[in-house]
Structure formats: C-alpha cells, structure tokens
Amino acid sequence: YFLYVIYRLIVIKQTDLTTYISATALILSILVSFRQKI
C-alpha cells in the first residue's frame, strides 16, 4: 500500500516535503539495488 500511495501522490501532484523525502529514499534504494546490495 505504501508503494501505491507514493505512486498516487506523485500522479495527482499532492506531494509535500514528507512525500518528497520518502519517495526519494524509495526510488533511490530500488535503483541502487539493481546493481548491488544496499
């Protein structure tokens, strides 16, 4: 549900500071994990 909420908030453009922080951490961790263990 967290994945859905982050996606939904970005799509409807209701992103506050907390959303930016959480989304940045999530997306960055997923991108890095394609190459190596985080």
PDB file of all heavy atoms in Angstrom:
ATOM      1  N   TYR A   1       0.829  -1.202   0.000  1.00  0.00           N
ATOM      2  CA  TYR A   1       0.000   0.000   0.000  1.00  0.00           C
ATOM      3  C   TYR A   1       0.863   1.251   0.000  1.00  0.00           C
ATOM      4  O   TYR A   1       0.500   2.257  -0.608  1.00  0.00           O
ATOM      5  CB  TYR A   1      -0.939   0.002   1.210  1.00  0.00           C
ATOM      6  CG  TYR A   1      -2.000   1.074   1.111  1.00  0.00           C
ATOM      7  CD1 TYR A   1      -3.031   0.975   0.185  1.00  0.00           C
ATOM      8  CD2 TYR A   1      -1.957   2.203   1.925  1.00  0.00           C
ATOM      9  CE1 TYR A   1      -3.987   1.964   0.073  1.00  0.00           C
ATOM     10  CE2 TYR A   1      -2.913   3.197   1.823  1.00  0.00           C
ATOM     11  CZ  TYR A   1      -3.928   3.064   0.891  1.00  0.00           C
ATOM     12  OH  TYR A   1      -4.878   4.061   0.770  1.00  0.00           O
ATOM     13  N   PHE A   2       2.004   1.197   0.645  1.00  0.00           N
ATOM     14  CA  PHE A   2       2.941   2.323   0.625  1.00  0.00           C
ATOM     15  C   PHE A   2       3.379   2.630  -0.808  1.00  0.00           C
ATOM     16  O   PHE A   2       3.424   3.798  -1.217  1.00  0.00           O
ATOM     17  CB  PHE A   2       4.157   2.000   1.488  1.00  0.00           C
ATOM     18  CG  PHE A   2       5.337   2.897   1.251  1.00  0.00           C
ATOM     19  CD1 PHE A   2       5.340   4.209   1.706  1.00  0.00           C
ATOM     20  CD2 PHE A   2       6.443   2.436   0.561  1.00  0.00           C
ATOM     21  CE1 PHE A   2       6.425   5.046   1.476  1.00  0.00           C
ATOM     22  CE2 PHE A   2       7.533   3.263   0.330  1.00  0.00           C
ATOM     23  CZ  PHE A   2       7.527   4.571   0.783  1.00  0.00           C
ATOM     24  N   LEU A   3       3.693   1.589  -1.583  1.00  0.00           N
ATOM     25  CA  LEU A   3       4.080   1.786  -2.987  1.00  0.00           C
ATOM     26  C   LEU A   3       2.959   2.469  -3.765  1.00  0.00           C
ATOM     27  O   LEU A   3       3.207   3.389  -4.560  1.00  0.00           O
ATOM     28  CB  LEU A   3       4.423   0.438  -3.629  1.00  0.00           C
ATOM     29  CG  LEU A   3       5.651  -0.293  -3.081  1.00  0.00           C
ATOM     30  CD1 LEU A   3       5.791  -1.658  -3.763  1.00  0.00           C
ATOM     31  CD2 LEU A   3       6.915   0.532  -3.300  1.00  0.00           C
ATOM     32  N   TYR A   4       1.734   2.021  -3.522  1.00  0.00           N
ATOM     33  CA  TYR A   4       0.585   2.612  -4.209  1.00  0.00           C
ATOM     34  C   TYR A   4       0.409   4.081  -3.823  1.00  0.00           C
ATOM     35  O   TYR A   4       0.167   4.932  -4.692  1.00  0.00           O
ATOM     36  CB  TYR A   4      -0.687   1.831  -3.879  1.00  0.00           C
ATOM     37  CG  TYR A   4      -1.953   2.551  -4.281  1.00  0.00           C
ATOM     38  CD1 TYR A   4      -2.341   2.617  -5.621  1.00  0.00           C
ATOM     39  CD2 TYR A   4      -2.741   3.206  -3.332  1.00  0.00           C
ATOM     40  CE1 TYR A   4      -3.490   3.296  -5.997  1.00  0.00           C
ATOM     41  CE2 TYR A   4      -3.891   3.878  -3.694  1.00  0.00           C
ATOM     42  CZ  TYR A   4      -4.262   3.927  -5.027  1.00  0.00           C
ATOM     43  OH  TYR A   4      -5.394   4.608  -5.406  1.00  0.00           O
ATOM     44  N   VAL A   5       0.539   4.384  -2.543  1.00  0.00           N
ATOM     45  CA  VAL A   5       0.336   5.754  -2.061  1.00  0.00           C
ATOM     46  C   VAL A   5       1.376   6.696  -2.649  1.00  0.00           C
ATOM     47  O   VAL A   5       1.044   7.804  -3.105  1.00  0.00           O
ATOM     48  CB  VAL A   5       0.374   5.804  -0.519  1.00  0.00           C
ATOM     49  CG1 VAL A   5       0.447   7.246  -0.017  1.00  0.00           C
ATOM     50  CG2 VAL A   5      -0.850   5.116   0.058  1.00  0.00           C
ATOM     51  N   ILE A   6       2.636   6.292  -2.659  1.00  0.00           N
ATOM     52  CA  ILE A   6       3.688   7.133  -3.227  1.00  0.00           C
ATOM     53  C   ILE A   6       3.413   7.391  -4.704  1.00  0.00           C
ATOM     54  O   ILE A   6       3.514   8.539  -5.185  1.00  0.00           O
ATOM     55  CB  ILE A   6       5.073   6.473  -3.048  1.00  0.00           C
ATOM     56  CG1 ILE A   6       5.453   6.437  -1.561  1.00  0.00           C
ATOM     57  CG2 ILE A   6       6.142   7.223  -3.845  1.00  0.00           C
ATOM     58  CD1 ILE A   6       5.617   7.795  -0.927  1.00  0.00           C
ATOM     59  N   TYR A   7       3.053   6.335  -5.427  1.00  0.00           N
ATOM     60  CA  TYR A   7       2.716   6.480  -6.847  1.00  0.00           C
ATOM     61  C   TYR A   7       1.525   7.416  -7.025  1.00  0.00           C
ATOM     62  O   TYR A   7       1.555   8.326  -7.872  1.00  0.00           O
ATOM     63  CB  TYR A   7       2.407   5.104  -7.443  1.00  0.00           C
ATOM     64  CG  TYR A   7       1.711   5.156  -8.785  1.00  0.00           C
ATOM     65  CD1 TYR A   7       2.413   5.459  -9.950  1.00  0.00           C
ATOM     66  CD2 TYR A   7       0.331   4.921  -8.883  1.00  0.00           C
ATOM     67  CE1 TYR A   7       1.762   5.516 -11.182  1.00  0.00           C
ATOM     68  CE2 TYR A   7      -0.323   4.973 -10.100  1.00  0.00           C
ATOM     69  CZ  TYR A   7       0.395   5.278 -11.250  1.00  0.00           C
ATOM     70  OH  TYR A   7      -0.252   5.343 -12.463  1.00  0.00           O
ATOM     71  N   ARG A   8       0.494   7.220  -6.218  1.00  0.00           N
ATOM     72  CA  ARG A   8      -0.734   8.011  -6.336  1.00  0.00           C
ATOM     73  C   ARG A   8      -0.484   9.485  -6.032  1.00  0.00           C
ATOM     74  O   ARG A   8      -0.975  10.368  -6.754  1.00  0.00           O
ATOM     75  CB  ARG A   8      -1.788   7.444  -5.376  1.00  0.00           C
ATOM     76  CG  ARG A   8      -3.137   8.120  -5.452  1.00  0.00           C
ATOM     77  CD  ARG A   8      -3.805   7.895  -6.785  1.00  0.00           C
ATOM     78  NE  ARG A   8      -5.116   8.547  -6.822  1.00  0.00           N
ATOM     79  CZ  ARG A   8      -5.789   8.771  -7.940  1.00  0.00           C
ATOM     80  NH1 ARG A   8      -5.274   8.410  -9.110  1.00  0.00           N
ATOM     81  NH2 ARG A   8      -6.967   9.361  -7.897  1.00  0.00           N
ATOM     82  N   LEU A   9       0.275   9.764  -4.996  1.00  0.00           N
ATOM     83  CA  LEU A   9       0.555  11.154  -4.618  1.00  0.00           C
ATOM     84  C   LEU A   9       1.351  11.875  -5.694  1.00  0.00           C
ATOM     85  O   LEU A   9       1.149  13.071  -5.944  1.00  0.00           O
ATOM     86  CB  LEU A   9       1.309  11.195  -3.287  1.00  0.00           C
ATOM     87  CG  LEU A   9       0.512  10.804  -2.040  1.00  0.00           C
ATOM     88  CD1 LEU A   9       1.420  10.754  -0.820  1.00  0.00           C
ATOM     89  CD2 LEU A   9      -0.629  11.800  -1.799  1.00  0.00           C
ATOM     90  N   ILE A  10       2.257  11.155  -6.339  1.00  0.00           N
ATOM     91  CA  ILE A  10       3.044  11.758  -7.423  1.00  0.00           C
ATOM     92  C   ILE A  10       2.162  12.041  -8.629  1.00  0.00           C
ATOM     93  O   ILE A  10       2.254  13.104  -9.250  1.00  0.00           O
ATOM     94  CB  ILE A  10       4.221  10.837  -7.803  1.00  0.00           C
ATOM     95  CG1 ILE A  10       5.229  10.763  -6.653  1.00  0.00           C
ATOM     96  CG2 ILE A  10       4.916  11.336  -9.072  1.00  0.00           C
ATOM     97  CD1 ILE A  10       6.347   9.772  -6.869  1.00  0.00           C
ATOM     98  N   VAL A  11       1.267  11.100  -8.950  1.00  0.00           N
ATOM     99  CA  VAL A  11       0.388  11.242 -10.114  1.00  0.00           C
ATOM    100  C   VAL A  11      -0.573  12.408  -9.937  1.00  0.00           C
ATOM    101  O   VAL A  11      -0.767  13.222 -10.860  1.00  0.00           O
ATOM    102  CB  VAL A  11      -0.390   9.932 -10.372  1.00  0.00           C
ATOM    103  CG1 VAL A  11      -1.509  10.168 -11.391  1.00  0.00           C
ATOM    104  CG2 VAL A  11       0.552   8.856 -10.864  1.00  0.00           C
ATOM    105  N   ILE A  12      -1.187  12.524  -8.756  1.00  0.00           N
ATOM    106  CA  ILE A  12      -2.159  13.602  -8.534  1.00  0.00           C
ATOM    107  C   ILE A  12      -1.486  14.889  -8.046  1.00  0.00           C
ATOM    108  O   ILE A  12      -2.155  15.874  -7.755  1.00  0.00           O
ATOM    109  CB  ILE A  12      -3.240  13.164  -7.527  1.00  0.00           C
ATOM    110  CG1 ILE A  12      -2.642  12.904  -6.150  1.00  0.00           C
ATOM    111  CG2 ILE A  12      -3.989  11.951  -8.044  1.00  0.00           C
ATOM    112  CD1 ILE A  12      -3.667  12.532  -5.091  1.00  0.00           C
ATOM    113  N   LYS A  13      -0.176  14.861  -7.974  1.00  0.00           N
ATOM    114  CA  LYS A  13       0.634  16.042  -7.630  1.00  0.00           C
ATOM    115  C   LYS A  13       0.250  16.651  -6.276  1.00  0.00           C
ATOM    116  O   LYS A  13       0.102  17.858  -6.127  1.00  0.00           O
ATOM    117  CB  LYS A  13       0.515  17.100  -8.734  1.00  0.00           C
ATOM    118  CG  LYS A  13       1.062  16.625 -10.081  1.00  0.00           C
ATOM    119  CD  LYS A  13       0.940  17.682 -11.154  1.00  0.00           C
ATOM    120  CE  LYS A  13       1.510  17.168 -12.472  1.00  0.00           C
ATOM    121  NZ  LYS A  13       1.412  18.172 -13.562  1.00  0.00           N
ATOM    122  N   GLN A  14       0.109  15.775  -5.287  1.00  0.00           N
ATOM    123  CA  GLN A  14      -0.139  16.223  -3.915  1.00  0.00           C
ATOM    124  C   GLN A  14       1.057  15.843  -3.043  1.00  0.00           C
ATOM    125  O   GLN A  14       0.934  15.172  -2.027  1.00  0.00           O
ATOM    126  CB  GLN A  14      -1.424  15.606  -3.372  1.00  0.00           C
ATOM    127  CG  GLN A  14      -2.686  16.156  -4.007  1.00  0.00           C
ATOM    128  CD  GLN A  14      -3.949  15.633  -3.338  1.00  0.00           C
ATOM    129  OE1 GLN A  14      -3.892  14.884  -2.369  1.00  0.00           O
ATOM    130  NE2 GLN A  14      -5.106  16.044  -3.859  1.00  0.00           N
ATOM    131  N   THR A  15       2.208  16.272  -3.483  1.00  0.00           N
ATOM    132  CA  THR A  15       3.452  15.903  -2.809  1.00  0.00           C
ATOM    133  C   THR A  15       3.912  17.018  -1.873  1.00  0.00           C
ATOM    134  O   THR A  15       4.193  18.129  -2.306  1.00  0.00           O
ATOM    135  CB  THR A  15       4.554  15.631  -3.851  1.00  0.00           C
ATOM    136  OG1 THR A  15       4.597  16.720  -4.788  1.00  0.00           O
ATOM    137  CG2 THR A  15       4.281  14.339  -4.596  1.00  0.00           C
ATOM    138  N   ASP A  16       3.999  16.680  -0.585  1.00  0.00           N
ATOM    139  CA  ASP A  16       4.550  17.618   0.385  1.00  0.00           C
ATOM    140  C   ASP A  16       5.999  17.234   0.675  1.00  0.00           C
ATOM    141  O   ASP A  16       6.561  16.348   0.029  1.00  0.00           O
ATOM    142  CB  ASP A  16       3.705  17.642   1.662  1.00  0.00           C
ATOM    143  CG  ASP A  16       3.591  16.262   2.304  1.00  0.00           C
ATOM    144  OD1 ASP A  16       4.250  15.309   1.836  1.00  0.00           O
ATOM    145  OD2 ASP A  16       2.844  16.133   3.296  1.00  0.00           O
ATOM    146  N   LEU A  17       6.599  17.873   1.651  1.00  0.00           N
ATOM    147  CA  LEU A  17       8.002  17.611   1.974  1.00  0.00           C
ATOM    148  C   LEU A  17       8.211  16.156   2.384  1.00  0.00           C
ATOM    149  O   LEU A  17       9.180  15.514   1.948  1.00  0.00           O
ATOM    150  CB  LEU A  17       8.465  18.547   3.092  1.00  0.00           C
ATOM    151  CG  LEU A  17       9.903  18.354   3.595  1.00  0.00           C
ATOM    152  CD1 LEU A  17      10.904  18.523   2.466  1.00  0.00           C
ATOM    153  CD2 LEU A  17      10.202  19.323   4.743  1.00  0.00           C
ATOM    154  N   THR A  18       7.313  15.627   3.194  1.00  0.00           N
ATOM    155  CA  THR A  18       7.433  14.238   3.642  1.00  0.00           C
ATOM    156  C   THR A  18       7.388  13.277   2.474  1.00  0.00           C
ATOM    157  O   THR A  18       8.160  12.309   2.409  1.00  0.00           O
ATOM    158  CB  THR A  18       6.317  13.896   4.644  1.00  0.00           C
ATOM    159  OG1 THR A  18       6.365  14.809   5.737  1.00  0.00           O
ATOM    160  CG2 THR A  18       6.460  12.485   5.158  1.00  0.00           C
ATOM    161  N   THR A  19       6.493  13.517   1.534  1.00  0.00           N
ATOM    162  CA  THR A  19       6.386  12.657   0.356  1.00  0.00           C
ATOM    163  C   THR A  19       7.662  12.704  -0.467  1.00  0.00           C
ATOM    164  O   THR A  19       8.140  11.658  -0.947  1.00  0.00           O
ATOM    165  CB  THR A  19       5.193  13.082  -0.517  1.00  0.00           C
ATOM    166  OG1 THR A  19       4.006  13.116   0.277  1.00  0.00           O
ATOM    167  CG2 THR A  19       5.008  12.131  -1.679  1.00  0.00           C
ATOM    168  N   TYR A  20       8.234  13.886  -0.637  1.00  0.00           N
ATOM    169  CA  TYR A  20       9.485  14.016  -1.391  1.00  0.00           C
ATOM    170  C   TYR A  20      10.605  13.204  -0.731  1.00  0.00           C
ATOM    171  O   TYR A  20      11.388  12.531  -1.415  1.00  0.00           O
ATOM    172  CB  TYR A  20       9.895  15.484  -1.491  1.00  0.00           C
ATOM    173  CG  TYR A  20       9.488  16.128  -2.788  1.00  0.00           C
ATOM    174  CD1 TYR A  20       8.206  16.642  -2.951  1.00  0.00           C
ATOM    175  CD2 TYR A  20      10.370  16.219  -3.855  1.00  0.00           C
ATOM    176  CE1 TYR A  20       7.807  17.227  -4.142  1.00  0.00           C
ATOM    177  CE2 TYR A  20       9.994  16.805  -5.058  1.00  0.00           C
ATOM    178  CZ  TYR A  20       8.715  17.314  -5.193  1.00  0.00           C
ATOM    179  OH  TYR A  20       8.329  17.887  -6.371  1.00  0.00           O
ATOM    180  N   ILE A  21      10.672  13.263   0.576  1.00  0.00           N
ATOM    181  CA  ILE A  21      11.727  12.544   1.298  1.00  0.00           C
ATOM    182  C   ILE A  21      11.526  11.035   1.158  1.00  0.00           C
ATOM    183  O   ILE A  21      12.471  10.292   0.845  1.00  0.00           O
ATOM    184  CB  ILE A  21      11.748  12.957   2.784  1.00  0.00           C
ATOM    185  CG1 ILE A  21      12.155  14.431   2.913  1.00  0.00           C
ATOM    186  CG2 ILE A  21      12.706  12.075   3.573  1.00  0.00           C
ATOM    187  CD1 ILE A  21      12.020  14.985   4.322  1.00  0.00           C
ATOM    188  N   SER A  22      10.308  10.568   1.378  1.00  0.00           N
ATOM    189  CA  SER A  22      10.027   9.128   1.303  1.00  0.00           C
ATOM    190  C   SER A  22      10.199   8.599  -0.118  1.00  0.00           C
ATOM    191  O   SER A  22      10.786   7.531  -0.324  1.00  0.00           O
ATOM    192  CB  SER A  22       8.609   8.834   1.795  1.00  0.00           C
ATOM    193  OG  SER A  22       8.488   9.091   3.171  1.00  0.00           O
ATOM    194  N   ALA A  23       9.690   9.344  -1.086  1.00  0.00           N
ATOM    195  CA  ALA A  23       9.782   8.904  -2.481  1.00  0.00           C
ATOM    196  C   ALA A  23      11.230   8.868  -2.953  1.00  0.00           C
ATOM    197  O   ALA A  23      11.644   7.942  -3.665  1.00  0.00           O
ATOM    198  CB  ALA A  23       8.956   9.822  -3.372  1.00  0.00           C
ATOM    199  N   THR A  24      12.006   9.866  -2.571  1.00  0.00           N
ATOM    200  CA  THR A  24      13.421   9.902  -2.953  1.00  0.00           C
ATOM    201  C   THR A  24      14.158   8.688  -2.405  1.00  0.00           C
ATOM    202  O   THR A  24      14.926   8.027  -3.119  1.00  0.00           O
ATOM    203  CB  THR A  24      14.096  11.184  -2.440  1.00  0.00           C
ATOM    204  OG1 THR A  24      13.425  12.320  -2.994  1.00  0.00           O
ATOM    205  CG2 THR A  24      15.572  11.217  -2.824  1.00  0.00           C
ATOM    206  N   ALA A  25      13.941   8.380  -1.126  1.00  0.00           N
ATOM    207  CA  ALA A  25      14.608   7.228  -0.497  1.00  0.00           C
ATOM    208  C   ALA A  25      14.183   5.924  -1.159  1.00  0.00           C
ATOM    209  O   ALA A  25      15.020   5.053  -1.442  1.00  0.00           O
ATOM    210  CB  ALA A  25      14.302   7.201   0.993  1.00  0.00           C
ATOM    211  N   LEU A  26      12.891   5.781  -1.417  1.00  0.00           N
ATOM    212  CA  LEU A  26      12.379   4.557  -2.028  1.00  0.00           C
ATOM    213  C   LEU A  26      12.940   4.351  -3.434  1.00  0.00           C
ATOM    214  O   LEU A  26      13.486   3.288  -3.746  1.00  0.00           O
ATOM    215  CB  LEU A  26      10.856   4.596  -2.075  1.00  0.00           C
ATOM    216  CG  LEU A  26      10.197   3.426  -2.814  1.00  0.00           C
ATOM    217  CD1 LEU A  26      10.394   2.124  -2.049  1.00  0.00           C
ATOM    218  CD2 LEU A  26       8.710   3.706  -3.041  1.00  0.00           C
ATOM    219  N   ILE A  27      12.808   5.370  -4.278  1.00  0.00           N
ATOM    220  CA  ILE A  27      13.242   5.246  -5.671  1.00  0.00           C
ATOM    221  C   ILE A  27      14.749   5.032  -5.754  1.00  0.00           C
ATOM    222  O   ILE A  27      15.238   4.190  -6.522  1.00  0.00           O
ATOM    223  CB  ILE A  27      12.818   6.498  -6.464  1.00  0.00           C
ATOM    224  CG1 ILE A  27      11.290   6.568  -6.546  1.00  0.00           C
ATOM    225  CG2 ILE A  27      13.421   6.476  -7.868  1.00  0.00           C
ATOM    226  CD1 ILE A  27      10.757   7.868  -7.110  1.00  0.00           C
ATOM    227  N   LEU A  28      15.511   5.766  -4.938  1.00  0.00           N
ATOM    228  CA  LEU A  28      16.967   5.628  -4.953  1.00  0.00           C
ATOM    229  C   LEU A  28      17.384   4.228  -4.500  1.00  0.00           C
ATOM    230  O   LEU A  28      18.280   3.615  -5.101  1.00  0.00           O
ATOM    231  CB  LEU A  28      17.595   6.685  -4.056  1.00  0.00           C
ATOM    232  CG  LEU A  28      19.127   6.762  -4.059  1.00  0.00           C
ATOM    233  CD1 LEU A  28      19.645   7.093  -5.456  1.00  0.00           C
ATOM    234  CD2 LEU A  28      19.613   7.809  -3.057  1.00  0.00           C
ATOM    235  N   SER A  29      16.741   3.714  -3.467  1.00  0.00           N
ATOM    236  CA  SER A  29      17.092   2.377  -2.975  1.00  0.00           C
ATOM    237  C   SER A  29      16.795   1.302  -4.014  1.00  0.00           C
ATOM    238  O   SER A  29      17.560   0.348  -4.172  1.00  0.00           O
ATOM    239  CB  SER A  29      16.348   2.075  -1.676  1.00  0.00           C
ATOM    240  OG  SER A  29      14.948   2.028  -1.892  1.00  0.00           O
ATOM    241  N   ILE A  30      15.696   1.459  -4.725  1.00  0.00           N
ATOM    242  CA  ILE A  30      15.336   0.486  -5.765  1.00  0.00           C
ATOM    243  C   ILE A  30      16.324   0.556  -6.926  1.00  0.00           C
ATOM    244  O   ILE A  30      16.790  -0.480  -7.428  1.00  0.00           O
ATOM    245  CB  ILE A  30      13.898   0.728  -6.252  1.00  0.00           C
ATOM    246  CG1 ILE A  30      12.902   0.336  -5.151  1.00  0.00           C
ATOM    247  CG2 ILE A  30      13.619  -0.057  -7.526  1.00  0.00           C
ATOM    248  CD1 ILE A  30      11.463   0.651  -5.470  1.00  0.00           C
ATOM    249  N   LEU A  31      16.684   1.760  -7.339  1.00  0.00           N
ATOM    250  CA  LEU A  31      17.638   1.920  -8.447  1.00  0.00           C
ATOM    251  C   LEU A  31      19.001   1.333  -8.094  1.00  0.00           C
ATOM    252  O   LEU A  31      19.610   0.613  -8.896  1.00  0.00           O
ATOM    253  CB  LEU A  31      17.777   3.401  -8.810  1.00  0.00           C
ATOM    254  CG  LEU A  31      16.560   4.065  -9.461  1.00  0.00           C
ATOM    255  CD1 LEU A  31      16.817   5.559  -9.674  1.00  0.00           C
ATOM    256  CD2 LEU A  31      16.240   3.392 -10.793  1.00  0.00           C
ATOM    257  N   VAL A  32      19.481   1.618  -6.896  1.00  0.00           N
ATOM    258  CA  VAL A  32      20.793   1.110  -6.472  1.00  0.00           C
ATOM    259  C   VAL A  32      20.765  -0.409  -6.330  1.00  0.00           C
ATOM    260  O   VAL A  32      21.747  -1.090  -6.664  1.00  0.00           O
ATOM    261  CB  VAL A  32      21.231   1.758  -5.140  1.00  0.00           C
ATOM    262  CG1 VAL A  32      22.528   1.125  -4.635  1.00  0.00           C
ATOM    263  CG2 VAL A  32      21.426   3.261  -5.324  1.00  0.00           C
ATOM    264  N   SER A  33      19.634  -0.959  -5.866  1.00  0.00           N
ATOM    265  CA  SER A  33      19.547  -2.405  -5.638  1.00  0.00           C
ATOM    266  C   SER A  33      19.571  -3.197  -6.945  1.00  0.00           C
ATOM    267  O   SER A  33      19.787  -4.417  -6.916  1.00  0.00           O
ATOM    268  CB  SER A  33      18.289  -2.753  -4.843  1.00  0.00           C
ATOM    269  OG  SER A  33      17.120  -2.458  -5.577  1.00  0.00           O
ATOM    270  N   PHE A  34      19.366  -2.547  -8.071  1.00  0.00           N
ATOM    271  CA  PHE A  34      19.520  -3.230  -9.353  1.00  0.00           C
ATOM    272  C   PHE A  34      20.980  -3.621  -9.586  1.00  0.00           C
ATOM    273  O   PHE A  34      21.267  -4.567 -10.318  1.00  0.00           O
ATOM    274  CB  PHE A  34      19.041  -2.341 -10.505  1.00  0.00           C
ATOM    275  CG  PHE A  34      17.562  -2.391 -10.726  1.00  0.00           C
ATOM    276  CD1 PHE A  34      16.779  -1.293 -10.493  1.00  0.00           C
ATOM    277  CD2 PHE A  34      16.948  -3.559 -11.164  1.00  0.00           C
ATOM    278  CE1 PHE A  34      15.404  -1.325 -10.693  1.00  0.00           C
ATOM    279  CE2 PHE A  34      15.579  -3.613 -11.374  1.00  0.00           C
ATOM    280  CZ  PHE A  34      14.803  -2.487 -11.139  1.00  0.00           C
ATOM    281  N   ARG A  35      21.902  -2.868  -8.957  1.00  0.00           N
ATOM    282  CA  ARG A  35      23.321  -3.143  -9.146  1.00  0.00           C
ATOM    283  C   ARG A  35      23.958  -3.873  -7.974  1.00  0.00           C
ATOM    284  O   ARG A  35      24.770  -4.771  -8.148  1.00  0.00           O
ATOM    285  CB  ARG A  35      24.092  -1.821  -9.362  1.00  0.00           C
ATOM    286  CG  ARG A  35      25.557  -2.075  -9.686  1.00  0.00           C
ATOM    287  CD  ARG A  35      26.463  -0.921  -9.343  1.00  0.00           C
ATOM    288  NE  ARG A  35      27.838  -1.251  -9.711  1.00  0.00           N
ATOM    289  CZ  ARG A  35      28.675  -1.932  -8.927  1.00  0.00           C
ATOM    290  NH1 ARG A  35      28.271  -2.351  -7.746  1.00  0.00           N
ATOM    291  NH2 ARG A  35      29.901  -2.215  -9.329  1.00  0.00           N
ATOM    292  N   GLN A  36      23.599  -3.485  -6.744  1.00  0.00           N
ATOM    293  CA  GLN A  36      24.292  -4.013  -5.574  1.00  0.00           C
ATOM    294  C   GLN A  36      23.376  -4.060  -4.362  1.00  0.00           C
ATOM    295  O   GLN A  36      22.292  -3.476  -4.362  1.00  0.00           O
ATOM    296  CB  GLN A  36      25.503  -3.131  -5.243  1.00  0.00           C
ATOM    297  CG  GLN A  36      25.139  -1.713  -4.829  1.00  0.00           C
ATOM    298  CD  GLN A  36      26.333  -0.787  -4.817  1.00  0.00           C
ATOM    299  OE1 GLN A  36      27.034  -0.637  -5.809  1.00  0.00           O
ATOM    300  NE2 GLN A  36      26.571  -0.160  -3.670  1.00  0.00           N
ATOM    301  N   LYS A  37      23.842  -4.741  -3.337  1.00  0.00           N
ATOM    302  CA  LYS A  37      23.102  -4.820  -2.088  1.00  0.00           C
ATOM    303  C   LYS A  37      23.194  -3.489  -1.364  1.00  0.00           C
ATOM    304  O   LYS A  37      24.260  -2.891  -1.279  1.00  0.00           O
ATOM    305  CB  LYS A  37      23.684  -5.935  -1.209  1.00  0.00           C
ATOM    306  CG  LYS A  37      22.852  -6.237   0.019  1.00  0.00           C
ATOM    307  CD  LYS A  37      23.397  -7.457   0.756  1.00  0.00           C
ATOM    308  CE  LYS A  37      22.525  -7.813   1.944  1.00  0.00           C
ATOM    309  NZ  LYS A  37      23.015  -9.027   2.640  1.00  0.00           N
ATOM    310  N   ILE A  38      22.080  -3.028  -0.843  1.00  0.00           N
ATOM    311  CA  ILE A  38      22.052  -1.740  -0.161  1.00  0.00           C
ATOM    312  C   ILE A  38      22.033  -1.928   1.351  1.00  0.00           C
ATOM    313  O   ILE A  38      21.666  -2.990   1.852  1.00  0.00           O
ATOM    314  CB  ILE A  38      20.832  -0.888  -0.583  1.00  0.00           C
ATOM    315  CG1 ILE A  38      19.529  -1.561  -0.124  1.00  0.00           C
ATOM    316  CG2 ILE A  38      20.824  -0.644  -2.075  1.00  0.00           C
ATOM    317  CD1 ILE A  38      18.300  -0.680  -0.266  1.00  0.00           C
TER     318      ILE A  38
END
